[in-house]
Amino acid sequence: MTRRRRRRKQSEAVDPPLFAKRSGAKPVADRQLYWRFSGGDRGGPFAWTGLSDPSDYKRVLERLFQFETMDDGAVAAAGSHFIERDSLGTEALRRLEALRLDDIDGLMSFRIGGRERVFCRRIGRAMHVLWWDPEHRVCPAPLRNT
């Protein structure tokens, strides 16, 4: 293993999580998240091609830029959080399998507005953007009062 690779693995091992998987854990305020777009899904039900209007792209990207300036507590307060794999909908699980990503623990959900979400795989402090979900179908929420 090269020195550079060894350093990277060591730093990933000691970096605390950006978002706690368990309630009650304290957020890490001194960590800034950043985005990686090369692995974005371009097919399937949650493809980025669903964002066809340039003004929608601009709105989504501006919201992601805002998340970069927030600490973990502010991101969580904005309705964004980690979602366990077992909580994902059937359609999302099938798509993860098709993408050969079905071994992940879960995904990060970033609330853009209303029902709109961006889903990412978290690797270290990097958010690898995966899906655009304008209808909240990746992780369907139960209807209130039912």
Protein backbone atom coordinates (compact mmCIF):
# COMPACT_ATOMS: atom_id res chain seq x y z
CA MET A 1 0.00 0.00 0.00
CA THR A 2 1.43 3.38 -0.96
CA ARG A 3 1.98 6.10 1.61
CA ARG A 4 -0.68 8.29 -0.02
CA ARG A 5 -3.29 5.50 -0.01
CA ARG A 6 -2.38 4.59 3.59
CA ARG A 7 -2.88 8.21 4.69
CA ARG A 8 -6.24 8.38 2.96
CA LYS A 9 -7.47 5.16 4.58
CA GLN A 10 -6.29 6.32 8.01
CA SER A 11 -8.00 9.70 7.70
CA GLU A 12 -11.27 8.09 6.59
CA ALA A 13 -11.08 5.71 9.54
CA VAL A 14 -10.77 8.52 12.13
CA ASP A 15 -13.16 11.06 10.57
CA PRO A 16 -16.32 11.15 12.64
CA PRO A 17 -19.57 10.77 10.69
CA LEU A 18 -21.09 13.90 9.18
CA PHE A 19 -24.54 12.84 10.30
CA ALA A 20 -25.23 10.54 13.19
CA LYS A 21 -27.02 7.30 12.42
CA ARG A 22 -28.33 7.21 15.97
CA SER A 23 -30.38 9.92 17.63
CA GLY A 24 -28.65 11.71 20.46
CA ALA A 25 -25.20 11.71 18.86
CA LYS A 26 -23.67 15.17 18.54
CA PRO A 27 -23.16 16.60 15.05
CA VAL A 28 -19.63 17.46 13.97
CA ALA A 29 -19.58 21.19 13.28
CA ASP A 30 -16.04 21.50 11.91
CA ARG A 31 -16.55 19.24 8.88
CA GLN A 32 -17.57 20.65 5.53
CA LEU A 33 -19.31 18.41 3.06
CA TYR A 34 -18.67 18.56 -0.66
CA TRP A 35 -20.26 17.11 -3.77
CA ARG A 36 -19.12 14.59 -6.37
CA PHE A 37 -21.31 14.30 -9.47
CA SER A 38 -19.51 11.76 -11.68
CA GLY A 39 -21.53 8.81 -10.33
CA GLY A 40 -24.96 10.38 -10.75
CA ASP A 41 -27.57 7.94 -12.04
CA ARG A 42 -28.51 8.81 -15.63
CA GLY A 43 -31.09 6.04 -16.07
CA GLY A 44 -33.89 4.51 -14.08
CA PRO A 45 -36.71 6.12 -12.14
CA PHE A 46 -34.58 8.64 -10.21
CA ALA A 47 -32.29 9.74 -13.05
CA TRP A 48 -30.93 13.24 -13.28
CA THR A 49 -32.42 13.44 -16.76
CA GLY A 50 -35.73 14.03 -14.96
CA LEU A 51 -34.47 17.54 -14.29
CA SER A 52 -35.00 18.93 -17.78
CA ASP A 53 -35.70 22.61 -17.08
CA PRO A 54 -32.50 24.70 -16.73
CA SER A 55 -34.12 26.84 -14.03
CA ASP A 56 -34.76 23.67 -11.98
CA TYR A 57 -31.10 22.65 -12.33
CA LYS A 58 -30.07 26.09 -11.14
CA ARG A 59 -32.41 25.94 -8.14
CA VAL A 60 -31.19 22.47 -7.09
CA LEU A 61 -27.51 23.39 -7.46
CA GLU A 62 -27.97 26.61 -5.51
CA ARG A 63 -29.56 24.62 -2.69
CA LEU A 64 -26.63 22.17 -2.69
CA PHE A 65 -24.25 25.13 -2.56
CA GLN A 66 -26.12 26.37 0.52
CA PHE A 67 -25.60 23.02 2.25
CA GLU A 68 -21.83 23.41 1.85
CA THR A 69 -21.94 26.53 4.03
CA MET A 70 -23.94 24.90 6.84
CA ASP A 71 -22.71 22.98 9.84
CA ASP A 72 -24.20 19.55 10.50
CA GLY A 73 -26.85 20.86 12.85
CA ALA A 74 -28.15 23.34 10.27
CA VAL A 75 -28.19 20.67 7.55
CA ALA A 76 -30.18 18.35 9.81
CA ALA A 77 -32.54 21.18 10.77
CA ALA A 78 -33.17 21.74 7.06
CA GLY A 79 -34.70 18.24 6.86
CA SER A 80 -31.66 16.35 5.55
CA HIS A 81 -30.51 13.09 7.12
CA PHE A 82 -29.10 9.59 6.73
CA ILE A 83 -31.58 6.91 5.63
CA GLU A 84 -30.89 3.26 6.42
CA ARG A 85 -31.00 0.89 3.46
CA ASP A 86 -33.91 -1.02 5.02
CA SER A 87 -36.03 2.16 4.95
CA LEU A 88 -35.68 2.66 1.18
CA GLY A 89 -38.60 1.84 -1.09
CA THR A 90 -38.73 -1.23 -3.32
CA GLU A 91 -38.07 0.79 -6.47
CA ALA A 92 -34.94 2.34 -4.94
CA LEU A 93 -33.65 -1.03 -3.73
CA ARG A 94 -34.10 -2.52 -7.20
CA ARG A 95 -32.22 0.39 -8.75
CA LEU A 96 -29.37 0.03 -6.25
CA GLU A 97 -29.14 -3.63 -7.23
CA ALA A 98 -29.06 -2.73 -10.94
CA LEU A 99 -26.27 -0.22 -10.23
CA ARG A 100 -24.41 -2.83 -8.13
CA LEU A 101 -24.64 -0.59 -5.08
CA ASP A 102 -26.90 -2.87 -3.06
CA ASP A 103 -24.18 -3.44 -0.44
CA ILE A 104 -24.37 0.10 0.98
CA ASP A 105 -25.67 0.81 4.50
CA GLY A 106 -27.88 3.67 3.37
CA LEU A 107 -28.03 7.01 1.61
CA MET A 108 -27.95 10.65 2.58
CA SER A 109 -31.17 12.52 1.79
CA PHE A 110 -30.91 16.25 1.16
CA ARG A 111 -34.18 18.16 1.22
CA ILE A 112 -34.33 20.65 -1.64
CA GLY A 113 -37.89 21.78 -1.03
CA GLY A 114 -41.32 20.30 -0.44
CA ARG A 115 -41.08 16.66 -1.53
CA GLU A 116 -37.91 17.14 -3.60
CA ARG A 117 -34.78 15.30 -2.48
CA VAL A 118 -31.26 14.67 -3.69
CA PHE A 119 -29.85 11.31 -2.60
CA CYS A 120 -26.13 10.73 -2.16
CA ARG A 121 -23.72 8.02 -1.16
CA ARG A 122 -21.44 9.24 1.61
CA ILE A 123 -17.76 8.42 1.33
CA GLY A 124 -15.75 10.26 3.96
CA ARG A 125 -16.85 13.88 3.79
CA ALA A 126 -17.74 13.60 0.10
CA MET A 127 -21.36 13.32 -0.99
CA HIS A 128 -21.47 11.28 -4.19
CA VAL A 129 -24.66 12.52 -5.81
CA LEU A 130 -26.76 9.59 -7.00
CA TRP A 131 -30.44 10.44 -7.49
CA TRP A 132 -32.90 13.25 -8.07
CA ASP A 133 -36.24 12.45 -6.41
CA PRO A 134 -38.85 15.16 -7.03
CA GLU A 135 -41.76 13.07 -5.69
CA HIS A 136 -40.23 11.59 -2.51
CA ARG A 137 -40.39 8.03 -3.89
CA VAL A 138 -36.91 6.79 -2.90
CA CYS A 139 -37.96 6.68 0.73
CA PRO A 140 -41.74 6.98 0.81
CA ALA A 141 -43.01 8.57 4.01
CA PRO A 142 -46.15 7.15 5.55
CA LEU A 143 -49.17 9.39 5.26
CA ARG A 144 -49.96 11.33 8.41
CA ASN A 145 -52.99 10.35 10.49
CA THR A 146 -53.36 6.93 8.83
